[in-house]
Amino acid sequence: MGDGSICAEDGTDVDHIRDRDDHRLRNLQLLCSWHHDRKTAREANAAKPRFSPRRPREVHPGLL
């Protein structure tokens, strides 16, 4: 809902806004299950290491 609108569903899941180890109220928010799952998936994908499926280039033996 990046358009500024508010979800009409009840907040059922407590979500950590930033640091998962910070349980203070200012770091917590209520989200509906759908938005909580979506935010969690987005954060998990962002944390995945990015790699190329291609094999790394080998150094030419004449350049060693």
N, C-alpha and C. Protein backbone atom coordinates (compact mmCIF):
# COMPACT_ATOMS: atom_id res chain seq x y z
N MET A 1 0.82 -1.19 0.00
CA MET A 1 0.00 0.00 0.00
C MET A 1 0.86 1.25 0.00
N GLY A 2 1.77 1.34 -0.88
CA GLY A 2 2.69 2.46 -0.93
C GLY A 2 2.03 3.77 -1.35
N ASP A 3 0.70 3.76 -1.56
CA ASP A 3 0.02 4.98 -2.01
C ASP A 3 -0.51 5.82 -0.86
N GLY A 4 -0.20 5.46 0.38
CA GLY A 4 -0.64 6.24 1.54
C GLY A 4 -1.98 5.82 2.09
N SER A 5 -2.66 4.87 1.44
CA SER A 5 -3.94 4.42 1.96
C SER A 5 -3.72 3.49 3.15
N ILE A 6 -4.77 3.29 3.91
CA ILE A 6 -4.70 2.48 5.12
C ILE A 6 -5.43 1.16 4.89
N CYS A 7 -4.84 0.07 5.34
CA CYS A 7 -5.45 -1.25 5.22
C CYS A 7 -6.71 -1.30 6.10
N ALA A 8 -7.77 -1.87 5.58
CA ALA A 8 -9.04 -1.96 6.31
C ALA A 8 -9.11 -3.18 7.22
N GLU A 9 -8.15 -4.10 7.08
CA GLU A 9 -8.15 -5.31 7.90
C GLU A 9 -7.65 -5.00 9.31
N ASP A 10 -8.08 -5.82 10.27
CA ASP A 10 -7.61 -5.66 11.64
C ASP A 10 -6.15 -6.04 11.75
N GLY A 11 -5.41 -5.32 12.58
CA GLY A 11 -4.03 -5.68 12.87
C GLY A 11 -4.00 -6.88 13.80
N THR A 12 -3.45 -7.98 13.32
CA THR A 12 -3.42 -9.21 14.11
C THR A 12 -2.00 -9.67 14.42
N ASP A 13 -1.01 -9.14 13.69
CA ASP A 13 0.38 -9.56 13.85
C ASP A 13 1.22 -8.39 14.33
N VAL A 14 2.06 -8.64 15.34
CA VAL A 14 2.99 -7.62 15.81
C VAL A 14 4.25 -7.73 14.95
N ASP A 15 4.63 -6.61 14.36
CA ASP A 15 5.78 -6.57 13.46
C ASP A 15 6.85 -5.65 14.03
N HIS A 16 8.11 -6.07 13.90
CA HIS A 16 9.24 -5.22 14.26
C HIS A 16 9.53 -4.30 13.08
N ILE A 17 9.52 -3.02 13.31
CA ILE A 17 9.71 -2.06 12.23
C ILE A 17 11.14 -2.15 11.69
N ARG A 18 12.14 -2.17 12.56
CA ARG A 18 13.53 -2.24 12.13
C ARG A 18 14.23 -3.46 12.72
N ASP A 19 14.77 -3.28 13.91
CA ASP A 19 15.60 -4.31 14.54
C ASP A 19 14.72 -5.36 15.22
N ARG A 20 14.89 -6.63 14.80
CA ARG A 20 14.07 -7.71 15.38
C ARG A 20 14.38 -7.96 16.85
N ASP A 21 15.54 -7.51 17.33
CA ASP A 21 15.90 -7.72 18.73
C ASP A 21 15.43 -6.59 19.63
N ASP A 22 14.89 -5.52 19.05
CA ASP A 22 14.40 -4.37 19.81
C ASP A 22 12.90 -4.53 20.00
N HIS A 23 12.48 -4.86 21.22
CA HIS A 23 11.07 -5.13 21.50
C HIS A 23 10.37 -3.94 22.15
N ARG A 24 10.97 -2.76 22.08
CA ARG A 24 10.32 -1.57 22.64
C ARG A 24 9.14 -1.17 21.75
N LEU A 25 8.13 -0.54 22.36
CA LEU A 25 6.91 -0.18 21.65
C LEU A 25 7.17 0.66 20.41
N ARG A 26 8.17 1.54 20.45
CA ARG A 26 8.41 2.42 19.30
C ARG A 26 8.94 1.64 18.08
N ASN A 27 9.35 0.39 18.28
CA ASN A 27 9.83 -0.44 17.18
C ASN A 27 8.79 -1.49 16.76
N LEU A 28 7.60 -1.42 17.30
CA LEU A 28 6.57 -2.42 17.00
C LEU A 28 5.37 -1.76 16.32
N GLN A 29 4.72 -2.52 15.45
CA GLN A 29 3.50 -2.05 14.80
C GLN A 29 2.58 -3.24 14.57
N LEU A 30 1.28 -2.98 14.50
CA LEU A 30 0.31 -4.01 14.20
C LEU A 30 0.06 -4.03 12.70
N LEU A 31 0.11 -5.20 12.11
CA LEU A 31 -0.20 -5.38 10.70
C LEU A 31 -1.18 -6.52 10.55
N CYS A 32 -1.97 -6.51 9.48
CA CYS A 32 -2.80 -7.67 9.18
C CYS A 32 -1.85 -8.79 8.72
N SER A 33 -2.32 -10.01 8.73
CA SER A 33 -1.47 -11.15 8.36
C SER A 33 -0.93 -11.02 6.95
N TRP A 34 -1.76 -10.54 6.01
CA TRP A 34 -1.33 -10.43 4.62
C TRP A 34 -0.17 -9.45 4.48
N HIS A 35 -0.30 -8.27 5.09
CA HIS A 35 0.76 -7.27 4.99
C HIS A 35 2.01 -7.70 5.75
N HIS A 36 1.82 -8.38 6.87
CA HIS A 36 2.99 -8.87 7.63
C HIS A 36 3.77 -9.90 6.81
N ASP A 37 3.06 -10.83 6.20
CA ASP A 37 3.72 -11.84 5.35
C ASP A 37 4.44 -11.17 4.17
N ARG A 38 3.80 -10.20 3.58
CA ARG A 38 4.38 -9.50 2.43
C ARG A 38 5.65 -8.74 2.84
N LYS A 39 5.61 -8.05 3.97
CA LYS A 39 6.78 -7.30 4.45
C LYS A 39 7.91 -8.26 4.80
N THR A 40 7.58 -9.36 5.47
CA THR A 40 8.60 -10.35 5.84
C THR A 40 9.26 -10.95 4.61
N ALA A 41 8.48 -11.28 3.59
CA ALA A 41 9.04 -11.84 2.36
C ALA A 41 9.95 -10.83 1.65
N ARG A 42 9.53 -9.56 1.62
CA ARG A 42 10.34 -8.52 0.98
C ARG A 42 11.68 -8.35 1.71
N GLU A 43 11.65 -8.37 3.04
CA GLU A 43 12.88 -8.23 3.82
C GLU A 43 13.78 -9.45 3.66
N ALA A 44 13.19 -10.63 3.59
CA ALA A 44 13.99 -11.85 3.41
C ALA A 44 14.66 -11.86 2.04
N ASN A 45 13.94 -11.44 1.01
CA ASN A 45 14.53 -11.38 -0.33
C ASN A 45 15.64 -10.36 -0.40
N ALA A 46 15.49 -9.24 0.29
CA ALA A 46 16.52 -8.21 0.29
C ALA A 46 17.78 -8.68 1.01
N ALA A 47 17.62 -9.59 1.97
CA ALA A 47 18.76 -10.06 2.75
C ALA A 47 19.52 -11.19 2.06
N LYS A 48 18.93 -11.78 1.04
CA LYS A 48 19.59 -12.88 0.33
C LYS A 48 20.83 -12.37 -0.38
N PRO A 49 21.90 -13.14 -0.32
CA PRO A 49 23.09 -12.72 -1.07
C PRO A 49 22.82 -12.81 -2.57
N ARG A 50 23.26 -11.82 -3.28
CA ARG A 50 23.10 -11.81 -4.74
C ARG A 50 24.32 -12.46 -5.37
N PHE A 51 24.08 -13.35 -6.28
CA PHE A 51 25.18 -14.02 -6.96
C PHE A 51 24.82 -14.23 -8.41
N SER A 52 25.83 -14.43 -9.19
CA SER A 52 25.63 -14.68 -10.60
C SER A 52 25.57 -16.19 -10.83
N PRO A 53 24.64 -16.67 -11.63
CA PRO A 53 24.59 -18.10 -11.91
C PRO A 53 25.73 -18.54 -12.83
N ARG A 54 26.46 -17.57 -13.37
CA ARG A 54 27.57 -17.90 -14.25
C ARG A 54 28.81 -18.25 -13.44
N ARG A 55 29.59 -19.11 -14.00
CA ARG A 55 30.84 -19.51 -13.36
C ARG A 55 31.80 -18.32 -13.35
N PRO A 56 32.57 -18.13 -12.27
CA PRO A 56 33.51 -17.00 -12.24
C PRO A 56 34.58 -17.15 -13.33
N ARG A 57 35.02 -16.03 -13.83
CA ARG A 57 36.05 -16.04 -14.85
C ARG A 57 37.36 -16.57 -14.30
N GLU A 58 38.01 -17.39 -15.09
CA GLU A 58 39.32 -17.91 -14.70
C GLU A 58 40.39 -16.96 -15.24
N VAL A 59 41.43 -16.81 -14.49
CA VAL A 59 42.54 -15.97 -14.93
C VAL A 59 43.34 -16.75 -15.97
N HIS A 60 43.65 -16.10 -17.07
CA HIS A 60 44.43 -16.73 -18.13
C HIS A 60 45.80 -17.11 -17.58
N PRO A 61 46.28 -18.35 -17.84
CA PRO A 61 47.58 -18.79 -17.30
C PRO A 61 48.73 -17.87 -17.68
N GLY A 62 48.66 -17.20 -18.82
CA GLY A 62 49.74 -16.31 -19.22
C GLY A 62 49.79 -15.03 -18.41
N LEU A 63 48.72 -14.75 -17.64
CA LEU A 63 48.67 -13.52 -16.83
C LEU A 63 49.08 -13.78 -15.39
N LEU A 64 49.37 -15.00 -15.04
CA LEU A 64 49.76 -15.31 -13.65
C LEU A 64 51.18 -14.93 -13.35
